[in-house]
Structures are given as C-alpha cells and as structure tokens.
Amino acid sequence: MSREAYINAIVVAVLLAVPLWAWVADAPFIITLATRIAILALAGVGLNIALGLGGMVSLGHAVFFGIGGYAMGILASHAQDYSPLMEWPFLIEGTKSMPVIWLAALLMSGLAALLIGFLSLRTSGVYFIMITLAFGQMFFYFTVSWPAYGGEDGLPIYVRNSFPGLNTLDPIQFFLICFAVLGLALGFSAALARSPFGLALNATRQQATRVEAVGIAPFRIRLVGFVISGMITGLAGALFADLNRFVSPTMFSWQTSGEIMVFVILGGVARLFGPVVGAAIFITLEHLLGGVSDYWHIYLGALLLLVVLFARGGVIGLLSSWRKASV
C-alpha cells in the first residue's frame, strides 16, 4: 500500500471517528461540522473530476450546487404546502423523500451541465473560466428575481426530508447518510480515473491533439466528464440544502464556486481525497478563527498561497512526498 493510500485511510478514519465521539459526548454541533465537511467534500469530488482529470478550470460549479439545492427546496416546499409542482400537461407533486430528491438533483444538474458544457467547452483557457463564471452569475440573478421561491430572501424548509428506515433529524444519522454518499462518490471517482474513459479524459488534459489523432473526440470526452462532474456537485447541493433546511441565491454565487475550488487546491488537485482534506481544513479554520475575527479568510489566503507556492500537490501531495524527501 502506498503512503498516499495510508493517508487516505487515516482521513476516512478521522472523519468517521470525530462525529462518533461527538455523538457519545453529546456534542451535536461537532457532528454538524463533520456533516458540512462531508457534503462540501462531495462538491469538491465533483469539481475534481473536471479539474483534476479533465483540466477544466470551472468557476461556475456553483450553478450545479445551487440547482441541486433548489431541486430539494422546490420539491420539499410543495410537499410541505400540499400544493402540486405542476398540474398540466401531467401532475407532478412535491416530495420529502431524499432518494427521489437526489434523483431530481442529479438529473437537473446533469442537464444544466450538458447545456453549459456544450457551449463552454468550445472555448479554452481564460475564456472557458469566464464563460462558466458568467453562467453562474446568470443563475444567481435569476434566483434573486424569482419571487415564487423566496427571491433574494431564500426559501426555508421547516422539516428535514426523509430517508427510509432512518431519522434524518438525528444529527448522527444524517451524517452517516452524507458520509455514505461521499464514500460512494469517492469510489466512483477512483473507478472512473482507472477506466478507459478516465484515462482518455486525462489524456485530453495532457495533449488533446494526440488524443484526436488516435480517433477520440476530445470535445465529447470533456463534455461527458463535465456532466458527471456537475451531477456529483448537484447532489452535494441537495444535501447541503437539506442540512440547512434552507436554500438561497448565495448557493449560485461566484464565492461558492471559488470555495469549492479552494477545497480541491488545498487538498491536492487530482488527488482522490484532496477535496476531503481541503474541505476539512476550510471548515476547521472557519470554526476556530471565525469567532476570533471576521477577516479569518486572510489566514486561509495565506495558507492557500503557501500550498500553491511550496506544495503543488496540495496537502496530500506534501504528506505523501515528505518521507521520500527526508530519506
């Protein structure tokens, strides 16, 4: 087993052990923090497929995060108001079932990723970054001016959605749901990276012209990778909205896209557990320093600068190579 695999195992053990300890110690707030880490790490896993495997630097992944959140909010709000979402040409009712909401979030964010990717991937470099950012701002201002679902005030959900056989209002049970979903996403991401498709996507990142020369269409490979990336991030958005029982246009903001990218860069781009470590560092700093100063992002920025300058593989890359460098 490689050193990085040991580090990944330790990360999983700590992420699971801390909320279990908090459950025994009756500290629900710590469980909530661990749940946030798991959900935001899931969003980072989605971005890491596009950024780490495909080299697509997207500043618009908040679109998919927000679509997942609003898919949850809209369906749950109609269920709690006992009003149908649509009556014609066929009846669509709201629901409080998590699996159904997750499916809706995956489908809607995947469709959005398909449309956005179809347009954005015709560009590259800074133009791709800016067009994804533009889509994010378009969705942000659309939801701000959408009074049917709260507009800029957002949309509250009074009761957390349900999962068969579990009490989702119990913090530890909801954490275990999010932890299981994160584990499935990490397993899928690892399998995807080793698959022929993942290898082709990685090859387009390194040298698209050579990939095209052997008969593979780089545009299609990137588009499918972008859609998969958006769907996973959309699922994270649905879970995040369920955690807070609230959705708002800030889920679409460029700051949200930036934070998701920070998770990936801090932990390590293209590292399987990079988003998990990055999200854990971000949430821990927010918790420890947020009460000390409103400007705690200064310390986060300094840490990010150090990682970019001296640990190009992120925290996981630094820990993985530390022993080799010291021998």
Protein backbone atom coordinates (compact mmCIF):
# COMPACT_ATOMS: atom_id res chain seq x y z
CA MET A 1 0.00 0.00 0.00
CA SER A 2 1.35 3.42 -0.96
CA ARG A 3 1.91 6.24 1.51
CA GLU A 4 -0.95 8.21 -0.03
CA ALA A 5 -3.28 5.24 0.50
CA TYR A 6 -2.36 5.21 4.20
CA ILE A 7 -3.07 8.94 4.39
CA ASN A 8 -6.44 8.41 2.72
CA ALA A 9 -7.31 5.67 5.21
CA ILE A 10 -6.39 7.96 8.12
CA VAL A 11 -8.58 10.73 6.67
CA VAL A 12 -11.56 8.36 6.45
CA ALA A 13 -10.97 7.11 9.99
CA VAL A 14 -10.76 10.63 11.45
CA LEU A 15 -13.78 11.89 9.53
CA LEU A 16 -15.82 8.98 10.89
CA ALA A 17 -14.33 8.88 14.40
CA VAL A 18 -14.82 12.57 15.28
CA PRO A 19 -18.63 12.66 14.84
CA LEU A 20 -18.98 9.28 16.55
CA TRP A 21 -17.03 10.66 19.51
CA ALA A 22 -19.21 13.78 19.42
CA TRP A 23 -22.31 11.57 19.44
CA VAL A 24 -21.09 9.76 22.55
CA ALA A 25 -20.12 13.08 24.14
CA ASP A 26 -23.50 14.64 23.22
CA ALA A 27 -21.93 17.38 21.08
CA PRO A 28 -24.31 17.74 18.10
CA PHE A 29 -22.58 20.88 16.83
CA ILE A 30 -19.39 18.91 16.11
CA ILE A 31 -21.47 16.34 14.23
CA THR A 32 -22.94 19.16 12.14
CA LEU A 33 -19.45 20.43 11.33
CA ALA A 34 -18.42 16.94 10.22
CA THR A 35 -21.57 16.72 8.10
CA ARG A 36 -20.69 20.01 6.41
CA ILE A 37 -17.21 18.68 5.69
CA ALA A 38 -18.64 15.53 4.10
CA ILE A 39 -21.12 17.47 1.94
CA LEU A 40 -18.65 20.13 0.78
CA ALA A 41 -16.06 17.42 0.13
CA LEU A 42 -18.64 15.76 -2.12
CA ALA A 43 -18.97 19.00 -4.08
CA GLY A 44 -15.16 19.08 -4.36
CA VAL A 45 -15.12 15.47 -5.61
CA GLY A 46 -17.39 16.59 -8.43
CA LEU A 47 -15.16 19.53 -9.37
CA ASN A 48 -12.04 17.38 -9.07
CA ILE A 49 -13.27 15.18 -11.92
CA ALA A 50 -13.48 18.20 -14.22
CA LEU A 51 -10.38 19.97 -12.89
CA GLY A 52 -8.10 17.12 -11.88
CA LEU A 53 -8.88 14.61 -14.61
CA GLY A 54 -10.01 16.89 -17.42
CA GLY A 55 -8.05 20.08 -16.73
CA MET A 56 -11.26 22.15 -16.95
CA VAL A 57 -10.88 25.14 -14.63
CA SER A 58 -14.52 25.94 -13.90
CA LEU A 59 -15.60 28.95 -11.88
CA GLY A 60 -19.24 28.07 -12.42
CA HIS A 61 -19.71 24.86 -10.46
CA ALA A 62 -21.88 26.79 -8.03
CA VAL A 63 -24.53 26.54 -10.78
CA PHE A 64 -24.82 22.79 -10.23
CA PHE A 65 -24.51 23.17 -6.46
CA GLY A 66 -27.35 25.68 -6.49
CA ILE A 67 -29.51 23.66 -8.89
CA GLY A 68 -29.22 20.68 -6.57
CA GLY A 69 -30.17 22.87 -3.63
CA TYR A 70 -33.17 24.39 -5.39
CA ALA A 71 -34.30 20.97 -6.64
CA MET A 72 -34.52 19.98 -2.99
CA GLY A 73 -36.09 23.26 -1.90
CA ILE A 74 -38.75 23.38 -4.59
CA LEU A 75 -39.84 19.75 -4.22
CA ALA A 76 -39.84 19.92 -0.40
CA SER A 77 -41.67 23.28 -0.29
CA HIS A 78 -44.51 21.96 -2.45
CA ALA A 79 -44.71 18.86 -0.25
CA GLN A 80 -44.95 20.91 2.94
CA ASP A 81 -47.56 23.24 1.37
CA TYR A 82 -49.54 20.31 -0.10
CA SER A 83 -49.51 22.03 -3.49
CA PRO A 84 -48.58 20.35 -6.79
CA LEU A 85 -45.44 21.48 -8.58
CA MET A 86 -47.20 21.09 -11.94
CA GLU A 87 -50.73 20.14 -12.93
CA TRP A 88 -50.60 20.33 -16.71
CA PRO A 89 -49.85 18.51 -19.00
CA PHE A 90 -49.28 15.97 -16.22
CA LEU A 91 -49.36 16.10 -12.44
CA ILE A 92 -46.05 16.49 -10.56
CA GLU A 93 -46.27 16.70 -6.80
CA GLY A 94 -43.69 17.72 -4.23
CA THR A 95 -41.88 15.13 -2.15
CA LYS A 96 -39.99 14.81 1.12
CA SER A 97 -38.21 11.61 0.07
CA MET A 98 -34.43 12.05 -0.09
CA PRO A 99 -33.81 9.37 -2.76
CA VAL A 100 -36.38 10.99 -5.09
CA ILE A 101 -34.95 14.45 -4.42
CA TRP A 102 -31.41 13.19 -5.08
CA LEU A 103 -32.53 11.74 -8.40
CA ALA A 104 -34.12 15.06 -9.35
CA ALA A 105 -30.97 16.94 -8.32
CA LEU A 106 -28.78 14.60 -10.39
CA LEU A 107 -30.98 14.90 -13.46
CA MET A 108 -31.43 18.68 -13.31
CA SER A 109 -27.77 19.44 -12.60
CA GLY A 110 -26.73 16.95 -15.28
CA LEU A 111 -28.98 18.63 -17.83
CA ALA A 112 -27.60 22.05 -16.88
CA ALA A 113 -24.04 20.73 -17.14
CA LEU A 114 -24.80 19.31 -20.58
CA LEU A 115 -26.10 22.65 -21.87
CA ILE A 116 -23.41 24.76 -20.20
CA GLY A 117 -20.64 22.36 -21.20
CA PHE A 118 -21.87 22.19 -24.80
CA LEU A 119 -21.35 25.95 -25.07
CA SER A 120 -18.42 26.49 -22.72
CA LEU A 121 -16.19 23.66 -23.95
CA ARG A 122 -15.97 25.26 -27.38
CA THR A 123 -13.61 27.70 -25.68
CA SER A 124 -10.49 27.10 -23.60
CA GLY A 125 -8.19 28.79 -21.11
CA VAL A 126 -9.33 32.08 -19.63
CA TYR A 127 -12.35 32.18 -21.97
CA PHE A 128 -13.64 28.91 -20.51
CA ILE A 129 -13.13 30.24 -16.98
CA MET A 130 -15.03 33.43 -17.75
CA ILE A 131 -17.95 31.79 -19.55
CA THR A 132 -18.52 29.35 -16.68
CA LEU A 133 -18.37 32.30 -14.28
CA ALA A 134 -20.92 34.14 -16.45
CA PHE A 135 -23.34 31.22 -16.29
CA GLY A 136 -23.02 31.20 -12.52
CA GLN A 137 -23.90 34.89 -12.30
CA MET A 138 -26.84 34.41 -14.67
CA PHE A 139 -28.34 31.75 -12.40
CA PHE A 140 -27.57 33.84 -9.31
CA TYR A 141 -29.51 36.87 -10.56
CA PHE A 142 -32.30 34.69 -11.91
CA THR A 143 -32.96 33.22 -8.45
CA VAL A 144 -32.67 36.66 -6.85
CA SER A 145 -35.54 37.80 -9.09
CA TRP A 146 -37.61 34.60 -8.62
CA PRO A 147 -40.25 35.62 -6.04
CA ALA A 148 -42.16 32.33 -6.31
CA TYR A 149 -39.39 30.65 -4.32
CA GLY A 150 -38.28 33.43 -2.00
CA GLY A 151 -36.21 35.61 -4.32
CA GLU A 152 -33.19 37.09 -2.57
CA ASP A 153 -34.59 36.09 0.85
CA GLY A 154 -34.30 32.39 0.05
CA LEU A 155 -36.66 29.52 0.76
CA PRO A 156 -36.93 27.86 4.20
CA ILE A 157 -37.82 24.19 4.62
CA TYR A 158 -39.34 23.51 8.02
CA VAL A 159 -38.70 19.77 8.37
CA ARG A 160 -35.74 17.80 7.04
CA ASN A 161 -36.55 15.34 4.27
CA SER A 162 -36.90 11.65 5.00
CA PHE A 163 -34.82 8.57 4.25
CA PRO A 164 -36.35 5.08 4.54
CA GLY A 165 -35.66 3.49 7.92
CA LEU A 166 -33.73 6.44 9.38
CA ASN A 167 -34.47 9.51 11.50
CA THR A 168 -32.82 12.27 9.48
CA LEU A 169 -33.42 14.82 12.25
CA ASP A 170 -30.92 12.89 14.37
CA PRO A 171 -27.55 14.57 13.56
CA ILE A 172 -25.51 11.36 13.63
CA GLN A 173 -27.90 9.53 11.32
CA PHE A 174 -27.91 12.37 8.81
CA PHE A 175 -24.11 12.49 8.99
CA LEU A 176 -23.92 8.76 8.22
CA ILE A 177 -26.12 9.29 5.17
CA CYS A 178 -23.81 12.05 3.89
CA PHE A 179 -20.71 10.01 4.77
CA ALA A 180 -22.06 7.02 2.82
CA VAL A 181 -22.86 9.19 -0.22
CA LEU A 182 -19.36 10.69 -0.06
CA GLY A 183 -17.86 7.20 0.13
CA LEU A 184 -19.82 6.10 -2.94
CA ALA A 185 -18.73 9.22 -4.84
CA LEU A 186 -15.06 8.64 -3.92
CA GLY A 187 -15.31 5.02 -5.02
CA PHE A 188 -16.93 6.06 -8.28
CA SER A 189 -14.27 8.73 -8.84
CA ALA A 190 -11.46 6.21 -8.25
CA ALA A 191 -13.03 3.69 -10.64
CA LEU A 192 -13.62 6.43 -13.22
CA ALA A 193 -9.99 7.54 -13.10
CA ARG A 194 -8.80 3.96 -13.81
CA SER A 195 -11.39 3.28 -16.52
CA PRO A 196 -10.71 3.71 -20.26
CA PHE A 197 -12.92 6.81 -20.19
CA GLY A 198 -10.96 8.31 -17.29
CA LEU A 199 -7.66 7.61 -18.99
CA ALA A 200 -8.96 9.24 -22.17
CA LEU A 201 -10.18 12.27 -20.22
CA ASN A 202 -6.80 12.59 -18.52
CA ALA A 203 -5.11 12.29 -21.91
CA THR A 204 -7.17 15.18 -23.30
CA ARG A 205 -5.92 17.29 -20.39
CA GLN A 206 -2.31 16.50 -21.26
CA GLN A 207 -2.37 16.53 -25.07
CA ALA A 208 -5.72 16.87 -26.84
CA THR A 209 -4.25 16.81 -30.35
CA ARG A 210 -2.68 13.39 -29.82
CA VAL A 211 -5.97 12.04 -28.47
CA GLU A 212 -7.73 13.34 -31.56
CA ALA A 213 -5.08 11.73 -33.76
CA VAL A 214 -5.98 8.26 -32.45
CA GLY A 215 -9.66 8.74 -33.26
CA ILE A 216 -11.06 10.01 -29.92
CA ALA A 217 -13.10 13.23 -29.94
CA PRO A 218 -11.75 15.42 -27.11
CA PHE A 219 -14.90 17.58 -27.06
CA ARG A 220 -17.19 14.62 -26.37
CA ILE A 221 -14.88 13.19 -23.71
CA ARG A 222 -14.68 16.53 -21.94
CA LEU A 223 -18.42 17.10 -22.21
CA VAL A 224 -19.25 13.74 -20.61
CA GLY A 225 -16.68 14.41 -17.87
CA PHE A 226 -18.16 17.86 -17.28
CA VAL A 227 -21.68 16.41 -16.99
CA ILE A 228 -20.56 13.76 -14.48
CA SER A 229 -18.75 16.45 -12.52
CA GLY A 230 -21.82 18.69 -12.45
CA MET A 231 -24.13 15.86 -11.35
CA ILE A 232 -21.99 14.99 -8.32
CA THR A 233 -21.76 18.65 -7.33
CA GLY A 234 -25.54 18.97 -7.75
CA LEU A 235 -26.09 16.04 -5.39
CA ALA A 236 -23.90 17.83 -2.83
CA GLY A 237 -26.08 20.93 -3.23
CA ALA A 238 -29.21 18.92 -2.41
CA LEU A 239 -27.59 17.52 0.74
CA PHE A 240 -26.29 20.95 1.77
CA ALA A 241 -29.77 22.47 1.44
CA ASP A 242 -31.19 19.58 3.46
CA LEU A 243 -28.60 20.14 6.17
CA ASN A 244 -29.50 23.81 6.49
CA ARG A 245 -33.19 23.33 5.65
CA PHE A 246 -32.81 26.49 3.60
CA VAL A 247 -31.88 27.46 0.04
CA SER A 248 -30.90 30.89 -1.23
CA PRO A 249 -29.30 32.52 -4.29
CA THR A 250 -25.91 32.56 -2.50
CA MET A 251 -25.58 28.90 -3.46
CA PHE A 252 -25.10 30.18 -7.04
CA SER A 253 -22.58 32.90 -6.17
CA TRP A 254 -19.07 33.00 -7.57
CA GLN A 255 -17.78 32.86 -3.99
CA THR A 256 -19.30 29.39 -3.68
CA SER A 257 -17.54 28.29 -6.87
CA GLY A 258 -14.31 29.73 -5.50
CA GLU A 259 -14.68 27.91 -2.19
CA ILE A 260 -15.24 24.57 -3.92
CA MET A 261 -12.09 25.16 -5.96
CA VAL A 262 -10.18 26.06 -2.79
CA PHE A 263 -11.12 22.67 -1.31
CA VAL A 264 -9.58 20.90 -4.30
CA ILE A 265 -6.43 23.03 -4.44
CA LEU A 266 -5.76 22.84 -0.69
CA GLY A 267 -6.11 19.07 -0.55
CA GLY A 268 -4.48 18.40 -3.90
CA VAL A 269 -5.73 18.64 -7.48
CA ALA A 270 -6.32 15.17 -8.99
CA ARG A 271 -5.76 13.57 -5.57
CA LEU A 272 -8.68 11.29 -4.72
CA PHE A 273 -9.05 12.55 -1.14
CA GLY A 274 -7.86 16.07 -1.90
CA PRO A 275 -11.36 17.60 -1.66
CA VAL A 276 -11.97 15.84 1.67
CA VAL A 277 -8.80 17.21 3.24
CA GLY A 278 -9.39 20.65 1.70
CA ALA A 279 -12.97 20.84 2.99
CA ALA A 280 -11.83 19.70 6.44
CA ILE A 281 -9.16 22.40 6.59
CA PHE A 282 -11.59 25.07 5.39
CA ILE A 283 -14.37 24.19 7.87
CA THR A 284 -11.89 23.81 10.74
CA LEU A 285 -10.36 27.22 10.08
CA GLU A 286 -13.83 28.75 9.75
CA HIS A 287 -14.84 27.26 13.11
CA LEU A 288 -11.65 28.10 15.01
CA LEU A 289 -10.91 31.52 13.53
CA GLY A 290 -14.41 32.72 12.56
CA GLY A 291 -15.18 33.63 16.17
CA VAL A 292 -11.86 35.41 16.56
CA SER A 293 -12.08 37.68 13.54
CA ASP A 294 -14.48 38.45 10.71
CA TYR A 295 -11.43 38.53 8.45
CA TRP A 296 -10.32 34.94 9.02
CA HIS A 297 -10.13 34.45 5.25
CA ILE A 298 -6.80 36.30 5.44
CA TYR A 299 -5.30 33.26 7.16
CA LEU A 300 -6.96 30.95 4.66
CA GLY A 301 -5.47 33.02 1.84
CA ALA A 302 -2.01 32.82 3.39
CA LEU A 303 -2.31 29.04 3.72
CA LEU A 304 -3.53 28.74 0.13
CA LEU A 305 -0.60 30.85 -1.05
CA LEU A 306 1.86 28.58 0.77
CA VAL A 307 0.25 25.47 -0.74
CA VAL A 308 0.36 26.90 -4.27
CA LEU A 309 3.99 28.00 -3.93
CA PHE A 310 5.52 25.12 -2.00
CA ALA A 311 3.11 22.16 -2.20
CA ARG A 312 1.85 21.93 -5.75
CA GLY A 313 0.27 18.56 -4.97
CA GLY A 314 -1.70 20.05 -2.09
CA VAL A 315 -1.59 18.88 1.49
CA ILE A 316 -1.92 15.23 0.48
CA GLY A 317 0.85 15.58 -2.09
CA LEU A 318 3.08 17.23 0.52
CA LEU A 319 2.47 14.49 3.11
CA SER A 320 2.93 11.76 0.50
CA SER A 321 6.32 13.08 -0.62
CA TRP A 322 7.57 14.24 2.79
CA ARG A 323 9.01 10.89 3.82
CA LYS A 324 10.70 10.40 0.47
CA ALA A 325 12.27 13.84 0.65
CA SER A 326 13.53 13.25 4.19
CA VAL A 327 15.12 9.86 3.43
